[in-house]
Amino acid sequence: MILKSLKSSFLTAVLFLTLVSGASALDVGGVARVVQVVDGDTVMLGTPVFGANQVRLVGIQAPKLPLGRDGFKKWPLADEAKAALERLTLGHVVELRFGGRRMDRYGRLLAHLYVDGETWVQGTMLNDGMARVYSFPDNRSLAPEMLKAEAAARAARRGMWALTAYAIRPVVETPGLIGGFYLVEGVVLDAATVKGRTYLNFGADWREDFTVSIDKRAMKLFKKSGFDLLALKNKRIRVRGWLKKFNGPMIEASHPEQIEVLD
């Protein structure tokens, strides 16, 4: 029991030091008090920052609430994620820090939040299993740190990672998952670039089997990061994204952090 406690304390300390070092790469954008929590990844500020009061916690995705959307089914653990964010932020002064695009098309600020200038909200939500990593090509700051926090929660089966709904899916299950956001694992059987687009194929028939597609713009980001997509052939990888139907099941990878090489 003592050893387990010491191990937990050590991992927490390592995570804290990692988060602090990563935070220095962000631009401080202002402070305000959180007066409302909308859901597990969105809060309202009492005073505007850069003309906006609503903040979408950039880089993470918490289980979703309907929020008035007709026909939208509440995701498992959505209420718990909102409650966790309320405990972290509601009534507290938060510092907004930016590492990429600052506002989305809905007028929401895209920021990392730090409670009292210290506790990284995204890192805490991920480490507690109340959110998963959801980065974008124009907002990739702290993605490696966020992936580490998510991995720690998954290894301990905390929060989302204790539920089948959020389990990592094998490639064979993807035909039945169209329209959802998933983490998918499998071995790349072939990797090829055709007409400026790279395809990672996971089955013998690309017209039916799961594929990861990377367009020309995204390929530049992979190349800049030293990521050789064609070298993924015969490698086991994990890819995250929205599954769509294009021939077979497909995920569009727009930036390197969507793909993790497992061996």
Protein backbone atom coordinates (compact mmCIF):
# COMPACT_ATOMS: atom_id res chain seq x y z
CA MET A 1 0.00 0.00 0.00
CA ILE A 2 2.86 2.38 0.91
CA LEU A 3 4.66 1.50 -2.33
CA LYS A 4 1.49 2.13 -4.33
CA SER A 5 1.04 5.51 -2.63
CA LEU A 6 4.65 6.50 -3.29
CA LYS A 7 4.32 5.47 -6.93
CA SER A 8 1.16 7.55 -7.30
CA SER A 9 2.84 10.57 -5.69
CA PHE A 10 5.86 10.19 -7.96
CA LEU A 11 3.72 10.03 -11.10
CA THR A 12 1.75 13.08 -9.97
CA ALA A 13 4.99 15.00 -9.40
CA VAL A 14 6.33 14.01 -12.82
CA LEU A 15 3.08 15.10 -14.47
CA PHE A 16 3.14 18.43 -12.62
CA LEU A 17 6.71 19.18 -13.69
CA THR A 18 5.87 18.26 -17.29
CA LEU A 19 2.86 20.53 -17.32
CA VAL A 20 4.75 23.46 -15.82
CA SER A 21 7.56 23.17 -18.38
CA GLY A 22 5.08 23.02 -21.27
CA ALA A 23 3.09 26.00 -20.05
CA SER A 24 6.02 28.34 -20.63
CA ALA A 25 5.50 27.98 -24.39
CA LEU A 26 2.09 29.67 -24.23
CA ASP A 27 1.15 33.35 -24.44
CA VAL A 28 -0.68 34.79 -21.44
CA GLY A 29 -3.91 36.40 -22.60
CA GLY A 30 -5.69 37.72 -19.53
CA VAL A 31 -7.45 36.70 -16.32
CA ALA A 32 -11.12 36.47 -15.36
CA ARG A 33 -13.43 34.67 -12.97
CA VAL A 34 -15.44 31.65 -14.11
CA VAL A 35 -19.13 32.33 -13.44
CA GLN A 36 -20.68 29.36 -15.24
CA VAL A 37 -19.67 25.93 -16.51
CA VAL A 38 -21.55 25.02 -19.68
CA ASP A 39 -20.29 21.46 -20.02
CA GLY A 40 -17.12 19.46 -19.46
CA ASP A 41 -14.98 21.61 -21.74
CA THR A 42 -16.67 25.03 -21.89
CA VAL A 43 -16.92 27.84 -19.33
CA MET A 44 -18.29 31.38 -19.13
CA LEU A 45 -16.21 34.28 -17.80
CA GLY A 46 -17.55 37.11 -15.67
CA THR A 47 -15.64 39.69 -17.69
CA PRO A 48 -14.68 39.47 -21.37
CA VAL A 49 -11.19 38.65 -22.61
CA PHE A 50 -10.47 39.84 -26.15
CA GLY A 51 -14.15 40.70 -26.38
CA ALA A 52 -15.47 37.22 -25.57
CA ASN A 53 -16.89 35.64 -22.42
CA GLN A 54 -17.11 31.99 -23.44
CA VAL A 55 -14.04 29.74 -23.41
CA ARG A 56 -13.74 26.39 -25.13
CA LEU A 57 -10.93 24.51 -23.38
CA VAL A 58 -8.66 23.97 -26.33
CA GLY A 59 -7.08 20.58 -26.93
CA ILE A 60 -9.58 18.39 -25.09
CA GLN A 61 -12.99 16.87 -25.65
CA ALA A 62 -15.19 16.01 -22.68
CA PRO A 63 -18.30 13.82 -22.94
CA LYS A 64 -21.00 15.91 -24.58
CA LEU A 65 -24.32 17.18 -23.21
CA PRO A 66 -27.30 17.84 -25.52
CA LEU A 67 -27.38 21.57 -24.64
CA GLY A 68 -30.73 22.01 -26.36
CA ARG A 69 -29.82 20.17 -29.57
CA ASP A 70 -32.79 18.20 -30.85
CA GLY A 71 -32.18 14.47 -31.10
CA PHE A 72 -28.74 14.70 -29.50
CA LYS A 73 -28.16 11.85 -27.06
CA LYS A 74 -26.14 12.67 -23.96
CA TRP A 75 -22.77 10.94 -23.94
CA PRO A 76 -21.86 8.67 -21.01
CA LEU A 77 -20.15 10.56 -18.14
CA ALA A 78 -21.20 13.97 -19.49
CA ASP A 79 -22.75 15.09 -16.19
CA GLU A 80 -19.73 13.90 -14.23
CA ALA A 81 -17.34 15.75 -16.55
CA LYS A 82 -19.30 18.97 -16.12
CA ALA A 83 -19.28 18.52 -12.34
CA ALA A 84 -15.52 17.91 -12.39
CA LEU A 85 -14.93 21.14 -14.32
CA GLU A 86 -17.21 23.01 -11.91
CA ARG A 87 -15.15 21.79 -8.96
CA LEU A 88 -11.98 22.93 -10.70
CA THR A 89 -13.04 26.32 -11.99
CA LEU A 90 -16.42 27.67 -10.87
CA GLY A 91 -15.96 30.85 -8.85
CA HIS A 92 -12.19 30.79 -9.37
CA VAL A 93 -10.02 33.30 -11.18
CA VAL A 94 -8.42 31.65 -14.19
CA GLU A 95 -5.55 32.73 -16.39
CA LEU A 96 -6.02 32.24 -20.13
CA ARG A 97 -3.02 31.14 -22.15
CA PHE A 98 -2.90 30.71 -25.90
CA GLY A 99 -0.73 28.58 -28.15
CA GLY A 100 -2.53 28.81 -31.48
CA ARG A 101 -5.74 30.13 -32.96
CA ARG A 102 -7.45 32.25 -30.31
CA MET A 103 -11.11 32.12 -31.31
CA ASP A 104 -13.35 29.64 -33.11
CA ARG A 105 -16.11 30.34 -35.62
CA TYR A 106 -18.66 30.52 -32.81
CA GLY A 107 -16.83 33.38 -31.11
CA ARG A 108 -15.50 31.23 -28.29
CA LEU A 109 -11.99 31.74 -26.96
CA LEU A 110 -9.69 28.74 -27.50
CA ALA A 111 -7.46 28.79 -24.46
CA HIS A 112 -5.62 26.73 -21.90
CA LEU A 113 -6.89 27.61 -18.43
CA TYR A 114 -4.86 27.85 -15.23
CA VAL A 115 -6.70 28.16 -11.92
CA ASP A 116 -5.04 30.80 -9.74
CA GLY A 117 -2.24 30.80 -12.31
CA GLU A 118 -1.08 27.32 -11.27
CA THR A 119 -3.40 24.34 -11.85
CA TRP A 120 -3.64 23.44 -15.54
CA VAL A 121 -7.29 22.64 -16.12
CA GLN A 122 -6.86 20.61 -19.31
CA GLY A 123 -4.13 18.49 -17.76
CA THR A 124 -6.23 17.82 -14.68
CA MET A 125 -9.34 16.86 -16.66
CA LEU A 126 -7.29 14.51 -18.82
CA ASN A 127 -5.44 12.97 -15.88
CA ASP A 128 -8.75 12.33 -14.12
CA GLY A 129 -10.24 10.66 -17.18
CA MET A 130 -12.87 13.36 -17.63
CA ALA A 131 -11.74 14.30 -21.15
CA ARG A 132 -9.60 13.03 -24.00
CA VAL A 133 -7.15 14.78 -26.32
CA TYR A 134 -8.79 16.61 -29.23
CA SER A 135 -6.20 18.77 -30.97
CA PHE A 136 -6.30 20.69 -34.25
CA PRO A 137 -3.69 21.64 -36.86
CA ASP A 138 -3.90 25.29 -35.80
CA ASN A 139 -3.92 24.47 -32.07
CA ARG A 140 -1.30 21.85 -31.22
CA SER A 141 0.40 23.45 -28.23
CA LEU A 142 0.94 21.11 -25.27
CA ALA A 143 -0.38 18.15 -27.28
CA PRO A 144 2.48 15.85 -26.12
CA GLU A 145 1.80 16.77 -22.49
CA MET A 146 -1.92 16.22 -22.97
CA LEU A 147 -1.35 12.81 -24.54
CA LYS A 148 0.77 11.82 -21.53
CA ALA A 149 -1.95 12.89 -19.12
CA GLU A 150 -4.57 10.98 -21.12
CA ALA A 151 -2.35 7.88 -21.19
CA ALA A 152 -1.97 7.99 -17.40
CA ALA A 153 -5.74 8.04 -16.95
CA ARG A 154 -6.22 5.25 -19.47
CA ALA A 155 -3.62 3.04 -17.80
CA ALA A 156 -5.39 3.51 -14.46
CA ARG A 157 -8.85 3.10 -16.06
CA ARG A 158 -10.04 6.38 -14.61
CA GLY A 159 -13.23 8.09 -15.72
CA MET A 160 -13.93 7.66 -19.44
CA TRP A 161 -11.39 4.87 -19.72
CA ALA A 162 -13.40 2.59 -17.45
CA LEU A 163 -16.32 2.70 -19.90
CA THR A 164 -16.74 0.59 -23.04
CA ALA A 165 -18.15 3.61 -24.89
CA TYR A 166 -14.71 5.26 -24.91
CA ALA A 167 -12.54 2.16 -25.33
CA ILE A 168 -9.86 2.07 -28.00
CA ARG A 169 -11.38 0.24 -30.97
CA PRO A 170 -9.75 -2.38 -33.20
CA VAL A 171 -9.87 -1.75 -36.93
CA VAL A 172 -12.39 -4.55 -37.47
CA GLU A 173 -15.05 -2.61 -35.53
CA THR A 174 -14.83 0.61 -37.54
CA PRO A 175 -17.58 -0.15 -40.10
CA GLY A 176 -20.15 0.03 -37.30
CA LEU A 177 -18.80 3.26 -35.81
CA ILE A 178 -19.34 5.75 -38.66
CA GLY A 179 -20.14 9.26 -37.43
CA GLY A 180 -18.43 9.05 -34.06
CA PHE A 181 -15.11 10.21 -32.63
CA TYR A 182 -12.91 7.24 -31.74
CA LEU A 183 -9.40 6.07 -31.01
CA VAL A 184 -8.60 3.20 -33.38
CA GLU A 185 -5.65 0.81 -33.28
CA GLY A 186 -4.30 -1.51 -35.94
CA VAL A 187 -1.39 -2.50 -38.16
CA VAL A 188 -0.81 -0.50 -41.34
CA LEU A 189 -0.73 -3.03 -44.18
CA ASP A 190 0.21 -0.49 -46.83
CA ALA A 191 1.17 3.19 -47.06
CA ALA A 192 1.18 5.09 -50.33
CA THR A 193 0.93 8.60 -51.74
CA VAL A 194 -1.49 8.99 -54.64
CA LYS A 195 -2.16 12.32 -56.39
CA GLY A 196 -0.82 14.37 -53.49
CA ARG A 197 -2.64 12.47 -50.74
CA THR A 198 -1.20 9.77 -48.48
CA TYR A 199 -3.25 6.74 -47.53
CA LEU A 200 -2.61 4.33 -44.68
CA ASN A 201 -4.50 1.14 -45.48
CA PHE A 202 -5.36 -1.39 -42.80
CA GLY A 203 -6.90 -4.07 -45.03
CA ALA A 204 -6.39 -5.76 -48.37
CA ASP A 205 -9.25 -3.87 -50.04
CA TRP A 206 -9.06 -0.08 -49.61
CA ARG A 207 -12.58 0.22 -51.02
CA GLU A 208 -14.02 -1.56 -47.99
CA ASP A 209 -11.42 -1.62 -45.21
CA PHE A 210 -10.39 1.07 -42.74
CA THR A 211 -8.11 3.81 -44.08
CA VAL A 212 -6.39 6.90 -42.71
CA SER A 213 -6.15 9.74 -45.23
CA ILE A 214 -3.71 12.67 -45.09
CA ASP A 215 -4.06 15.52 -47.59
CA LYS A 216 -1.26 17.64 -49.06
CA ARG A 217 -1.57 20.45 -46.51
CA ALA A 218 -1.47 18.02 -43.60
CA MET A 219 1.47 16.16 -45.13
CA LYS A 220 3.53 19.35 -44.79
CA LEU A 221 2.88 19.38 -41.04
CA PHE A 222 3.89 15.73 -40.74
CA LYS A 223 7.06 16.35 -42.73
CA LYS A 224 7.93 19.42 -40.65
CA SER A 225 7.57 17.30 -37.51
CA GLY A 226 9.91 14.64 -38.93
CA PHE A 227 7.04 12.18 -39.28
CA ASP A 228 7.61 9.76 -42.19
CA LEU A 229 4.13 8.52 -43.07
CA LEU A 230 5.30 5.95 -45.62
CA ALA A 231 7.51 4.36 -42.96
CA LEU A 232 4.37 3.39 -41.04
CA LYS A 233 3.85 0.31 -43.21
CA ASN A 234 3.73 -2.80 -40.97
CA LYS A 235 3.66 -0.59 -37.87
CA ARG A 236 0.96 -0.74 -35.21
CA ILE A 237 -0.49 2.72 -34.70
CA ARG A 238 -3.28 4.46 -32.84
CA VAL A 239 -5.24 7.14 -34.68
CA ARG A 240 -7.95 9.41 -33.31
CA GLY A 241 -10.62 11.28 -35.17
CA TRP A 242 -14.13 11.33 -36.59
CA LEU A 243 -14.98 8.20 -38.54
CA LYS A 244 -16.66 8.81 -41.87
CA LYS A 245 -17.68 6.63 -44.79
CA PHE A 246 -15.54 7.10 -47.89
CA ASN A 247 -15.38 3.77 -49.69
CA GLY A 248 -14.70 2.01 -46.38
CA PRO A 249 -14.42 3.60 -42.92
CA MET A 250 -11.95 6.52 -42.91
CA ILE A 251 -10.35 9.00 -40.54
CA GLU A 252 -8.80 12.19 -41.93
CA ALA A 253 -5.53 12.97 -40.13
CA SER A 254 -4.87 16.71 -40.33
CA HIS A 255 -1.84 16.88 -38.01
CA PRO A 256 0.78 14.57 -36.45
CA GLU A 257 -0.70 14.41 -32.95
CA GLN A 258 -3.63 12.38 -34.28
CA ILE A 259 -1.34 9.41 -34.86
CA GLU A 260 0.64 7.56 -32.19
CA VAL A 261 3.15 4.90 -33.26
CA LEU A 262 2.91 1.96 -30.86
CA ASP A 263 5.75 -0.22 -32.17
